């Protein structure tokens, strides 16, 4: 099949009024020229739920994205994810528009394998979006010799809302610096006693 310049590959892409309830998905994503890939993307008014699934991604962005008024719920996902060399979109988990992105359970290994000056976040929300983290284990690590000052743990902008009510977060610093929490404009971040390995 043919693909015009700038098209995308996805594990799951839902838009319009689509509804998807996905169990035991297994996906491996790798970037090649002209393509960006995602585990899941919910746009328009789509409602997507992913449960008991796993994925490996290298040099793709973001892994999970909700936009418009879409809803994306991720539960018990096992992920190994390598930070893109040149990120095009802002985060592993990215919510924009008036969408909802919810993470419940799962284990997420995030590897920074190349130096980048492009800002990138583990969790990011902007516009009027809502991003909820109820549980899960999140580990961010750096390959030896990699340096970057561009990584942010949690980034909230505009009038977005990020709520973290559970989970374990281990963001290694290595030879780099990381801003664990960055709240801008009229955005709000609410945290309920989650464990971070570094003071916010």
N, C-alpha and C. Protein backbone atom coordinates (compact mmCIF):
# COMPACT_ATOMS: atom_id res chain seq x y z
N UNK A 1 0.85 -1.19 0.00
CA UNK A 1 0.00 0.00 0.00
C UNK A 1 0.87 1.23 0.00
N UNK A 2 0.34 2.36 -0.42
CA UNK A 2 1.11 3.59 -0.46
C UNK A 2 0.85 4.45 0.75
N UNK A 3 1.80 5.32 1.09
CA UNK A 3 1.64 6.19 2.26
C UNK A 3 2.21 7.56 1.92
N UNK A 4 1.41 8.63 2.03
CA UNK A 4 1.92 9.97 1.72
C UNK A 4 2.91 10.45 2.77
N UNK A 5 3.67 11.45 2.43
CA UNK A 5 4.64 12.03 3.34
C UNK A 5 3.97 12.45 4.65
N UNK A 6 4.55 12.04 5.77
CA UNK A 6 4.05 12.46 7.07
C UNK A 6 3.00 11.54 7.67
N UNK A 7 2.69 10.43 7.02
CA UNK A 7 1.68 9.56 7.60
C UNK A 7 2.26 8.82 8.80
N UNK A 8 1.40 8.13 9.55
CA UNK A 8 1.80 7.54 10.82
C UNK A 8 1.51 6.05 10.85
N UNK A 9 2.21 5.36 11.74
CA UNK A 9 1.90 3.98 12.07
C UNK A 9 1.47 3.94 13.53
N UNK A 10 0.56 3.06 13.88
CA UNK A 10 0.04 2.99 15.23
C UNK A 10 -0.16 1.53 15.63
N UNK A 11 -0.05 1.25 16.92
CA UNK A 11 -0.59 0.01 17.42
C UNK A 11 -2.10 0.08 17.31
N UNK A 12 -2.69 1.16 17.87
CA UNK A 12 -4.14 1.38 17.80
C UNK A 12 -4.37 2.86 17.54
N UNK A 13 -5.18 3.19 16.54
CA UNK A 13 -5.61 4.57 16.35
C UNK A 13 -7.13 4.57 16.25
N UNK A 14 -7.77 5.37 17.08
CA UNK A 14 -9.22 5.46 17.06
C UNK A 14 -9.62 6.92 16.95
N UNK A 15 -10.59 7.21 16.06
CA UNK A 15 -11.10 8.57 15.95
C UNK A 15 -12.59 8.52 15.66
N UNK A 16 -13.18 9.67 15.39
CA UNK A 16 -14.62 9.73 15.23
C UNK A 16 -15.30 9.33 16.54
N UNK A 17 -16.32 8.49 16.45
CA UNK A 17 -17.03 7.99 17.63
C UNK A 17 -16.63 6.56 17.95
N UNK A 18 -15.47 6.15 17.51
CA UNK A 18 -15.04 4.76 17.68
C UNK A 18 -14.89 4.39 19.15
N UNK A 19 -15.17 3.12 19.44
CA UNK A 19 -14.97 2.55 20.77
C UNK A 19 -14.14 1.29 20.62
N UNK A 20 -13.11 1.14 21.45
CA UNK A 20 -12.26 -0.05 21.38
C UNK A 20 -11.94 -0.53 22.78
N UNK A 21 -12.12 -1.82 23.01
CA UNK A 21 -11.77 -2.46 24.28
C UNK A 21 -10.79 -3.58 23.94
N UNK A 22 -9.50 -3.32 24.15
CA UNK A 22 -8.45 -4.20 23.64
C UNK A 22 -7.79 -4.94 24.80
N UNK A 23 -7.69 -6.26 24.67
CA UNK A 23 -7.04 -7.09 25.68
C UNK A 23 -5.93 -7.90 25.02
N UNK A 24 -4.83 -8.07 25.75
CA UNK A 24 -3.71 -8.92 25.33
C UNK A 24 -3.13 -8.51 23.98
N UNK A 25 -2.97 -7.20 23.81
CA UNK A 25 -2.28 -6.67 22.63
C UNK A 25 -0.78 -6.83 22.81
N UNK A 26 -0.09 -7.20 21.75
CA UNK A 26 1.37 -7.24 21.77
C UNK A 26 1.85 -6.48 20.54
N UNK A 27 2.65 -5.44 20.76
CA UNK A 27 3.05 -4.59 19.65
C UNK A 27 4.52 -4.24 19.77
N UNK A 28 5.22 -4.23 18.64
CA UNK A 28 6.62 -3.79 18.58
C UNK A 28 6.70 -2.71 17.52
N UNK A 29 7.17 -1.53 17.93
CA UNK A 29 7.21 -0.39 17.03
C UNK A 29 8.63 0.10 16.86
N UNK A 30 9.00 0.38 15.61
CA UNK A 30 10.30 0.95 15.31
C UNK A 30 10.10 2.03 14.26
N UNK A 31 10.80 3.15 14.46
CA UNK A 31 10.69 4.23 13.48
C UNK A 31 11.47 3.88 12.22
N UNK A 32 10.93 4.28 11.07
CA UNK A 32 11.73 4.34 9.87
C UNK A 32 11.36 5.64 9.16
N UNK A 33 12.10 6.02 8.14
CA UNK A 33 11.96 7.35 7.56
C UNK A 33 10.51 7.68 7.22
N UNK A 34 10.10 8.89 7.54
CA UNK A 34 8.80 9.49 7.24
C UNK A 34 7.68 9.05 8.17
N UNK A 35 7.92 8.11 9.09
CA UNK A 35 6.84 7.58 9.90
C UNK A 35 7.04 7.89 11.38
N UNK A 36 5.94 8.11 12.10
CA UNK A 36 5.95 8.17 13.56
C UNK A 36 4.98 7.12 14.04
N UNK A 37 5.24 6.53 15.18
CA UNK A 37 4.45 5.40 15.64
C UNK A 37 3.97 5.62 17.06
N UNK A 38 2.91 4.91 17.44
CA UNK A 38 2.31 5.05 18.76
C UNK A 38 1.72 3.72 19.18
N UNK A 39 1.79 3.43 20.47
CA UNK A 39 1.05 2.28 20.97
C UNK A 39 -0.45 2.52 20.77
N UNK A 40 -0.92 3.71 21.15
CA UNK A 40 -2.35 4.01 21.06
C UNK A 40 -2.57 5.50 20.96
N UNK A 41 -3.56 5.88 20.15
CA UNK A 41 -3.91 7.28 19.96
C UNK A 41 -5.43 7.36 19.90
N UNK A 42 -6.05 8.13 20.78
CA UNK A 42 -7.49 8.33 20.78
C UNK A 42 -7.78 9.79 20.45
N UNK A 43 -8.51 10.02 19.37
CA UNK A 43 -8.81 11.37 18.91
C UNK A 43 -10.31 11.54 18.72
N UNK A 44 -10.72 12.77 18.42
CA UNK A 44 -12.13 13.12 18.26
C UNK A 44 -12.90 12.71 19.52
N UNK A 45 -13.92 11.88 19.40
CA UNK A 45 -14.70 11.44 20.56
C UNK A 45 -14.46 9.95 20.85
N UNK A 46 -13.38 9.42 20.36
CA UNK A 46 -13.10 8.00 20.52
C UNK A 46 -12.88 7.63 21.99
N UNK A 47 -13.21 6.39 22.31
CA UNK A 47 -13.06 5.87 23.68
C UNK A 47 -12.31 4.54 23.58
N UNK A 48 -11.07 4.53 24.09
CA UNK A 48 -10.21 3.35 23.94
C UNK A 48 -9.75 2.86 25.30
N UNK A 49 -9.81 1.56 25.51
CA UNK A 49 -9.29 0.94 26.73
C UNK A 49 -8.36 -0.20 26.33
N UNK A 50 -7.16 -0.20 26.91
CA UNK A 50 -6.17 -1.25 26.64
C UNK A 50 -5.83 -1.93 27.96
N UNK A 51 -5.97 -3.26 28.00
CA UNK A 51 -5.79 -4.02 29.24
C UNK A 51 -4.88 -5.21 28.98
N UNK A 52 -4.03 -5.54 29.97
CA UNK A 52 -3.20 -6.75 29.92
C UNK A 52 -2.43 -6.86 28.61
N UNK A 53 -1.71 -5.81 28.26
CA UNK A 53 -1.00 -5.79 26.98
C UNK A 53 0.46 -5.46 27.19
N UNK A 54 1.23 -5.56 26.11
CA UNK A 54 2.66 -5.30 26.21
C UNK A 54 3.17 -4.69 24.91
N UNK A 55 4.27 -3.94 25.04
CA UNK A 55 4.83 -3.34 23.85
C UNK A 55 6.28 -2.97 24.02
N UNK A 56 6.99 -2.93 22.89
CA UNK A 56 8.37 -2.46 22.82
C UNK A 56 8.41 -1.39 21.74
N UNK A 57 9.01 -0.25 22.06
CA UNK A 57 9.09 0.84 21.09
C UNK A 57 10.47 1.46 21.13
N UNK A 58 11.01 1.74 19.96
CA UNK A 58 12.31 2.39 19.84
C UNK A 58 12.19 3.58 18.90
N UNK A 59 12.54 4.77 19.41
CA UNK A 59 12.60 5.97 18.59
C UNK A 59 11.24 6.32 17.98
N UNK A 60 10.19 6.24 18.79
CA UNK A 60 8.86 6.64 18.36
C UNK A 60 8.30 7.61 19.40
N UNK A 61 7.27 8.40 19.03
CA UNK A 61 6.73 9.34 20.00
C UNK A 61 5.33 9.80 19.62
N UNK A 62 4.47 10.13 20.63
CA UNK A 62 4.59 9.57 21.97
C UNK A 62 4.03 8.16 21.97
N UNK A 63 4.20 7.41 23.02
CA UNK A 63 3.68 6.05 23.04
C UNK A 63 2.17 6.04 23.19
N UNK A 64 1.64 6.92 24.09
CA UNK A 64 0.20 6.99 24.33
C UNK A 64 -0.23 8.45 24.19
N UNK A 65 -1.30 8.70 23.42
CA UNK A 65 -1.73 10.08 23.19
C UNK A 65 -3.26 10.15 23.12
N UNK A 66 -3.82 11.12 23.82
CA UNK A 66 -5.24 11.43 23.68
C UNK A 66 -5.37 12.88 23.24
N UNK A 67 -6.38 13.16 22.42
CA UNK A 67 -6.57 14.52 21.95
C UNK A 67 -8.06 14.77 21.69
N UNK A 68 -8.40 16.01 21.35
CA UNK A 68 -9.78 16.43 21.16
C UNK A 68 -10.57 16.11 22.43
N UNK A 69 -11.65 15.34 22.36
CA UNK A 69 -12.37 14.91 23.56
C UNK A 69 -12.25 13.40 23.73
N UNK A 70 -11.24 12.81 23.13
CA UNK A 70 -11.04 11.37 23.21
C UNK A 70 -10.68 10.91 24.62
N UNK A 71 -10.92 9.62 24.86
CA UNK A 71 -10.57 9.00 26.14
C UNK A 71 -9.70 7.78 25.87
N UNK A 72 -8.56 7.74 26.57
CA UNK A 72 -7.64 6.61 26.44
C UNK A 72 -7.30 6.12 27.84
N UNK A 73 -7.65 4.85 28.12
CA UNK A 73 -7.38 4.25 29.43
C UNK A 73 -6.43 3.08 29.23
N UNK A 74 -5.34 3.08 29.98
CA UNK A 74 -4.31 2.06 29.86
C UNK A 74 -4.17 1.34 31.19
N UNK A 75 -4.35 0.02 31.21
CA UNK A 75 -4.29 -0.74 32.45
C UNK A 75 -3.43 -1.98 32.26
N UNK A 76 -2.48 -2.18 33.16
CA UNK A 76 -1.64 -3.37 33.17
C UNK A 76 -0.89 -3.55 31.85
N UNK A 77 -0.26 -2.47 31.40
CA UNK A 77 0.55 -2.50 30.19
C UNK A 77 2.01 -2.67 30.60
N UNK A 78 2.73 -3.54 29.92
CA UNK A 78 4.15 -3.76 30.16
C UNK A 78 4.91 -3.17 28.97
N UNK A 79 5.73 -2.13 29.25
CA UNK A 79 6.35 -1.40 28.15
C UNK A 79 7.84 -1.22 28.35
N UNK A 80 8.60 -1.39 27.27
CA UNK A 80 9.99 -0.98 27.20
C UNK A 80 10.08 0.06 26.10
N UNK A 81 10.51 1.27 26.45
CA UNK A 81 10.40 2.40 25.54
C UNK A 81 11.71 3.17 25.50
N UNK A 82 12.26 3.38 24.31
CA UNK A 82 13.49 4.15 24.14
C UNK A 82 13.15 5.54 23.63
N UNK A 83 13.63 6.55 24.34
CA UNK A 83 13.36 7.94 23.97
C UNK A 83 13.81 8.22 22.54
N UNK A 84 12.95 8.87 21.74
CA UNK A 84 13.35 9.22 20.37
C UNK A 84 14.59 10.11 20.34
N UNK A 85 15.39 9.96 19.30
CA UNK A 85 16.56 10.82 19.14
C UNK A 85 16.14 12.26 18.90
N UNK A 86 15.07 12.46 18.14
CA UNK A 86 14.58 13.79 17.84
C UNK A 86 13.07 13.79 18.06
N UNK A 87 12.62 13.96 19.31
CA UNK A 87 11.20 13.88 19.59
C UNK A 87 10.38 14.89 18.80
N UNK A 88 9.25 14.45 18.23
CA UNK A 88 8.35 15.34 17.52
C UNK A 88 7.17 15.76 18.39
N UNK A 89 6.79 14.93 19.32
CA UNK A 89 5.68 15.19 20.23
C UNK A 89 6.20 15.03 21.64
N UNK A 90 5.50 15.56 22.65
CA UNK A 90 6.20 15.90 23.89
C UNK A 90 6.41 14.83 24.93
N UNK A 91 5.83 13.63 24.83
CA UNK A 91 5.85 12.80 26.03
C UNK A 91 5.60 11.33 25.75
N UNK A 92 5.96 10.51 26.74
CA UNK A 92 5.54 9.11 26.72
C UNK A 92 4.03 9.03 26.80
N UNK A 93 3.44 9.76 27.78
CA UNK A 93 1.99 9.89 27.91
C UNK A 93 1.64 11.35 27.64
N UNK A 94 0.86 11.62 26.59
CA UNK A 94 0.56 12.99 26.21
C UNK A 94 -0.95 13.18 26.05
N UNK A 95 -1.51 14.16 26.75
CA UNK A 95 -2.93 14.48 26.64
C UNK A 95 -3.08 15.93 26.22
N UNK A 96 -3.95 16.18 25.24
CA UNK A 96 -4.17 17.53 24.77
C UNK A 96 -5.64 17.75 24.45
N UNK A 97 -6.01 18.95 24.06
CA UNK A 97 -7.41 19.25 23.81
C UNK A 97 -8.21 19.20 25.11
N UNK A 98 -9.37 18.57 25.08
CA UNK A 98 -10.18 18.33 26.28
C UNK A 98 -10.27 16.84 26.56
N UNK A 99 -9.23 16.14 26.23
CA UNK A 99 -9.23 14.67 26.31
C UNK A 99 -8.89 14.18 27.71
N UNK A 100 -9.05 12.86 27.89
CA UNK A 100 -8.69 12.18 29.13
C UNK A 100 -7.73 11.05 28.81
N UNK A 101 -6.62 11.00 29.53
CA UNK A 101 -5.67 9.89 29.44
C UNK A 101 -5.46 9.36 30.85
N UNK A 102 -5.80 8.08 31.06
CA UNK A 102 -5.73 7.49 32.39
C UNK A 102 -4.82 6.26 32.37
N UNK A 103 -3.91 6.19 33.36
CA UNK A 103 -2.97 5.07 33.47
C UNK A 103 -3.23 4.36 34.79
N UNK A 104 -3.48 3.06 34.72
CA UNK A 104 -3.80 2.27 35.91
C UNK A 104 -3.04 0.95 35.84
N UNK A 105 -2.07 0.78 36.72
CA UNK A 105 -1.25 -0.42 36.76
C UNK A 105 -0.30 -0.48 35.55
N UNK A 106 0.59 -1.43 35.59
CA UNK A 106 1.54 -1.60 34.51
C UNK A 106 2.96 -1.29 34.94
N UNK A 107 3.91 -1.63 34.08
CA UNK A 107 5.33 -1.39 34.34
C UNK A 107 5.93 -0.77 33.08
N UNK A 108 6.59 0.36 33.25
CA UNK A 108 7.07 1.14 32.12
C UNK A 108 8.56 1.42 32.30
N UNK A 109 9.37 0.83 31.44
CA UNK A 109 10.82 1.05 31.43
C UNK A 109 11.13 2.06 30.34
N UNK A 110 11.68 3.22 30.72
CA UNK A 110 11.95 4.29 29.80
C UNK A 110 13.46 4.50 29.71
N UNK A 111 14.00 4.39 28.52
CA UNK A 111 15.45 4.47 28.34
C UNK A 111 15.82 5.65 27.47
N UNK A 112 16.69 6.52 27.99
CA UNK A 112 17.23 7.62 27.20
C UNK A 112 18.56 7.14 26.62
N UNK A 113 18.57 6.89 25.31
CA UNK A 113 19.73 6.26 24.70
C UNK A 113 20.53 7.19 23.81
N UNK A 114 20.08 8.44 23.66
CA UNK A 114 20.81 9.39 22.82
C UNK A 114 20.63 10.79 23.37
N UNK A 115 21.67 11.60 23.25
CA UNK A 115 21.61 12.98 23.71
C UNK A 115 20.64 13.77 22.84
N UNK A 116 19.76 14.54 23.49
CA UNK A 116 18.80 15.37 22.76
C UNK A 116 18.60 16.68 23.50
N UNK A 117 18.47 17.77 22.75
CA UNK A 117 18.17 19.07 23.34
C UNK A 117 16.68 19.39 23.23
N UNK A 118 15.90 18.49 22.63
CA UNK A 118 14.47 18.71 22.46
C UNK A 118 13.74 18.37 23.75
N UNK A 119 12.94 19.29 24.31
CA UNK A 119 12.22 18.99 25.56
C UNK A 119 11.32 17.77 25.41
N UNK A 120 11.30 16.94 26.43
CA UNK A 120 10.53 15.69 26.41
C UNK A 120 10.11 15.36 27.83
N UNK A 121 8.90 14.82 28.00
CA UNK A 121 8.37 14.53 29.32
C UNK A 121 7.89 13.09 29.42
N UNK A 122 7.85 12.59 30.64
CA UNK A 122 7.22 11.29 30.86
C UNK A 122 5.71 11.46 30.78
N UNK A 123 5.17 12.45 31.53
CA UNK A 123 3.74 12.77 31.49
C UNK A 123 3.59 14.23 31.08
N UNK A 124 2.72 14.52 30.11
CA UNK A 124 2.51 15.90 29.69
C UNK A 124 1.04 16.12 29.35
N UNK A 125 0.51 17.26 29.78
CA UNK A 125 -0.85 17.64 29.43
C UNK A 125 -0.88 19.13 29.12
N UNK A 126 -1.69 19.52 28.13
CA UNK A 126 -1.86 20.93 27.83
C UNK A 126 -3.30 21.20 27.44
N UNK A 127 -3.58 22.42 27.01
CA UNK A 127 -4.94 22.87 26.70
C UNK A 127 -5.82 22.62 27.93
N UNK A 128 -6.95 21.91 27.77
CA UNK A 128 -7.84 21.61 28.90
C UNK A 128 -7.89 20.12 29.17
N UNK A 129 -6.84 19.41 28.83
CA UNK A 129 -6.81 17.96 28.98
C UNK A 129 -6.64 17.54 30.43
N UNK A 130 -6.99 16.27 30.68
CA UNK A 130 -6.81 15.68 32.01
C UNK A 130 -6.01 14.40 31.88
N UNK A 131 -4.99 14.26 32.72
CA UNK A 131 -4.15 13.06 32.73
C UNK A 131 -4.14 12.52 34.15
N UNK A 132 -4.54 11.26 34.33
CA UNK A 132 -4.61 10.63 35.64
C UNK A 132 -3.67 9.43 35.70
N UNK A 133 -2.92 9.35 36.77
CA UNK A 133 -2.07 8.19 37.02
C UNK A 133 -2.52 7.59 38.35
N UNK A 134 -3.14 6.41 38.29
CA UNK A 134 -3.68 5.76 39.48
C UNK A 134 -2.72 4.73 40.06
N UNK A 135 -1.89 4.15 39.23
CA UNK A 135 -0.97 3.12 39.69
C UNK A 135 0.01 2.80 38.57
N UNK A 136 1.04 2.04 38.89
CA UNK A 136 2.04 1.64 37.90
C UNK A 136 3.44 1.88 38.42
N UNK A 137 4.39 1.28 37.75
CA UNK A 137 5.80 1.44 38.08
C UNK A 137 6.49 2.09 36.88
N UNK A 138 7.18 3.20 37.12
CA UNK A 138 7.78 3.99 36.04
C UNK A 138 9.26 4.18 36.34
N UNK A 139 10.12 3.65 35.48
CA UNK A 139 11.57 3.71 35.69
C UNK A 139 12.21 4.39 34.49
N UNK A 140 12.88 5.51 34.73
CA UNK A 140 13.58 6.25 33.69
C UNK A 140 15.07 6.11 33.90
N UNK A 141 15.80 5.66 32.87
CA UNK A 141 17.24 5.46 32.99
C UNK A 141 17.95 6.04 31.77
N UNK A 142 19.26 6.25 31.94
CA UNK A 142 20.10 6.80 30.88
C UNK A 142 21.19 5.81 30.50
N UNK A 143 21.42 5.65 29.19
CA UNK A 143 22.57 4.87 28.76
C UNK A 143 23.85 5.59 29.18
N UNK A 144 24.92 4.82 29.33
CA UNK A 144 26.21 5.40 29.74
C UNK A 144 26.66 6.46 28.75
N UNK A 145 27.07 7.62 29.29
CA UNK A 145 27.59 8.69 28.46
C UNK A 145 26.56 9.64 27.90
N UNK A 146 25.28 9.33 28.07
CA UNK A 146 24.22 10.19 27.54
C UNK A 146 24.00 11.37 28.48
N UNK A 147 23.92 12.57 27.92
CA UNK A 147 23.61 13.76 28.71
C UNK A 147 22.48 14.52 28.04
N UNK A 148 21.57 15.03 28.84
CA UNK A 148 20.50 15.89 28.35
C UNK A 148 19.93 16.68 29.51
N UNK A 149 19.57 17.91 29.25
CA UNK A 149 18.92 18.74 30.26
C UNK A 149 17.45 18.96 29.90
N UNK A 150 16.94 18.14 28.98
CA UNK A 150 15.63 18.42 28.39
C UNK A 150 14.51 17.55 28.93
N UNK A 151 14.78 16.65 29.87
CA UNK A 151 13.75 15.72 30.32
C UNK A 151 12.99 16.28 31.53
N UNK A 152 11.66 16.18 31.48
CA UNK A 152 10.78 16.61 32.57
C UNK A 152 9.94 15.41 32.98
N UNK A 153 9.81 15.18 34.29
CA UNK A 153 8.98 14.07 34.74
C UNK A 153 7.51 14.32 34.47
N UNK A 154 6.96 15.43 35.01
CA UNK A 154 5.55 15.78 34.87
C UNK A 154 5.46 17.22 34.39
N UNK A 155 4.80 17.44 33.24
CA UNK A 155 4.66 18.78 32.67
C UNK A 155 3.19 19.08 32.45
N UNK A 156 2.68 20.14 33.08
CA UNK A 156 1.29 20.58 32.90
C UNK A 156 1.28 22.02 32.41
N UNK A 157 0.54 22.28 31.34
CA UNK A 157 0.48 23.61 30.75
C UNK A 157 -0.95 24.03 30.50
N UNK A 158 -1.14 25.32 30.23
CA UNK A 158 -2.44 25.91 29.90
C UNK A 158 -3.42 25.70 31.06
N UNK A 159 -4.57 25.09 30.81
CA UNK A 159 -5.56 24.82 31.86
C UNK A 159 -5.72 23.32 32.10
N UNK A 160 -4.70 22.58 31.81
CA UNK A 160 -4.76 21.13 31.97
C UNK A 160 -4.69 20.73 33.44
N UNK A 161 -5.02 19.46 33.68
CA UNK A 161 -5.00 18.91 35.04
C UNK A 161 -4.30 17.56 35.02
N UNK A 162 -3.34 17.38 35.90
CA UNK A 162 -2.69 16.09 36.07
C UNK A 162 -2.90 15.66 37.52
N UNK A 163 -3.38 14.44 37.69
CA UNK A 163 -3.65 13.90 39.03
C UNK A 163 -2.88 12.60 39.19
N UNK A 164 -2.03 12.53 40.20
CA UNK A 164 -1.26 11.32 40.48
C UNK A 164 -1.69 10.81 41.85
N UNK A 165 -2.42 9.71 41.86
CA UNK A 165 -2.96 9.17 43.11
C UNK A 165 -2.28 7.87 43.52
N UNK A 166 -1.34 7.39 42.72
CA UNK A 166 -0.63 6.17 43.08
C UNK A 166 0.47 5.91 42.08
N UNK A 167 1.32 4.94 42.40
CA UNK A 167 2.40 4.59 41.49
C UNK A 167 3.76 4.72 42.14
N UNK A 168 4.75 4.12 41.53
CA UNK A 168 6.13 4.18 41.98
C UNK A 168 6.96 4.79 40.86
N UNK A 169 7.74 5.82 41.18
CA UNK A 169 8.45 6.59 40.16
C UNK A 169 9.94 6.62 40.50
N UNK A 170 10.76 6.11 39.61
CA UNK A 170 12.20 6.07 39.81
C UNK A 170 12.85 6.71 38.59
N UNK A 171 13.15 8.00 38.67
CA UNK A 171 13.73 8.74 37.56
C UNK A 171 15.20 8.98 37.85
N UNK A 172 16.08 8.21 37.23
CA UNK A 172 17.50 8.36 37.44
C UNK A 172 18.00 9.67 36.84
N UNK A 173 19.00 10.24 37.48
CA UNK A 173 19.57 11.49 36.99
C UNK A 173 20.81 11.22 36.13
N UNK A 174 21.68 10.31 36.56
CA UNK A 174 22.88 10.00 35.80
C UNK A 174 23.72 11.24 35.56
N UNK A 175 24.16 11.45 34.31
CA UNK A 175 24.97 12.61 33.96
C UNK A 175 24.12 13.79 33.52
N UNK A 176 22.81 13.71 33.73
CA UNK A 176 21.91 14.73 33.23
C UNK A 176 21.13 15.35 34.38
N UNK A 177 20.36 16.36 34.04
CA UNK A 177 19.44 16.94 35.02
C UNK A 177 18.02 16.65 34.57
N UNK A 178 17.12 16.57 35.53
CA UNK A 178 15.72 16.33 35.22
C UNK A 178 14.87 17.23 36.11
N UNK A 179 13.91 17.90 35.51
CA UNK A 179 12.93 18.65 36.28
C UNK A 179 11.79 17.69 36.56
N UNK A 180 11.61 17.34 37.81
CA UNK A 180 10.61 16.33 38.12
C UNK A 180 9.19 16.85 37.97
N UNK A 181 8.97 18.14 38.24
CA UNK A 181 7.62 18.69 38.18
C UNK A 181 7.68 20.10 37.61
N UNK A 182 6.92 20.33 36.52
CA UNK A 182 6.90 21.63 35.86
C UNK A 182 5.45 22.00 35.59
N UNK A 183 4.93 22.99 36.33
CA UNK A 183 3.54 23.42 36.20
C UNK A 183 3.53 24.85 35.69
N UNK A 184 2.81 25.10 34.59
CA UNK A 184 2.82 26.40 33.95
C UNK A 184 1.40 26.93 33.76
N UNK A 185 1.30 28.22 33.51
CA UNK A 185 0.04 28.89 33.19
C UNK A 185 -0.98 28.64 34.30
N UNK A 186 -2.19 28.20 33.97
CA UNK A 186 -3.24 27.95 34.95
C UNK A 186 -3.43 26.46 35.20
N UNK A 187 -2.46 25.67 34.83
CA UNK A 187 -2.55 24.23 35.01
C UNK A 187 -2.45 23.85 36.48
N UNK A 188 -2.94 22.64 36.81
CA UNK A 188 -2.85 22.13 38.17
C UNK A 188 -2.33 20.70 38.17
N UNK A 189 -1.53 20.39 39.17
CA UNK A 189 -1.07 19.02 39.40
C UNK A 189 -1.42 18.67 40.84
N UNK A 190 -2.13 17.57 41.02
CA UNK A 190 -2.51 17.10 42.34
C UNK A 190 -1.86 15.76 42.59
N UNK A 191 -1.17 15.63 43.73
CA UNK A 191 -0.45 14.40 44.04
C UNK A 191 -0.91 13.87 45.39
N UNK A 192 -1.08 12.56 45.47
CA UNK A 192 -1.58 11.92 46.68
C UNK A 192 -0.54 10.92 47.21
N UNK A 193 0.57 11.42 47.69
CA UNK A 193 1.53 10.59 48.40
C UNK A 193 2.24 9.53 47.60
N UNK A 194 2.38 9.72 46.30
CA UNK A 194 3.14 8.76 45.50
C UNK A 194 4.62 8.84 45.88
N UNK A 195 5.36 7.76 45.64
CA UNK A 195 6.75 7.72 46.03
C UNK A 195 7.68 8.10 44.90
N UNK A 196 8.40 9.20 45.04
CA UNK A 196 9.43 9.59 44.09
C UNK A 196 10.79 9.39 44.76
N UNK A 197 11.79 9.13 43.94
CA UNK A 197 13.12 8.92 44.51
C UNK A 197 13.90 10.21 44.64
N UNK A 198 13.25 11.34 44.33
CA UNK A 198 13.93 12.62 44.40
C UNK A 198 12.91 13.67 44.82
N UNK A 199 13.25 14.58 45.70
CA UNK A 199 12.27 15.56 46.16
C UNK A 199 11.74 16.43 45.03
N UNK A 200 10.44 16.68 45.02
CA UNK A 200 9.86 17.57 44.05
C UNK A 200 10.04 19.02 44.47
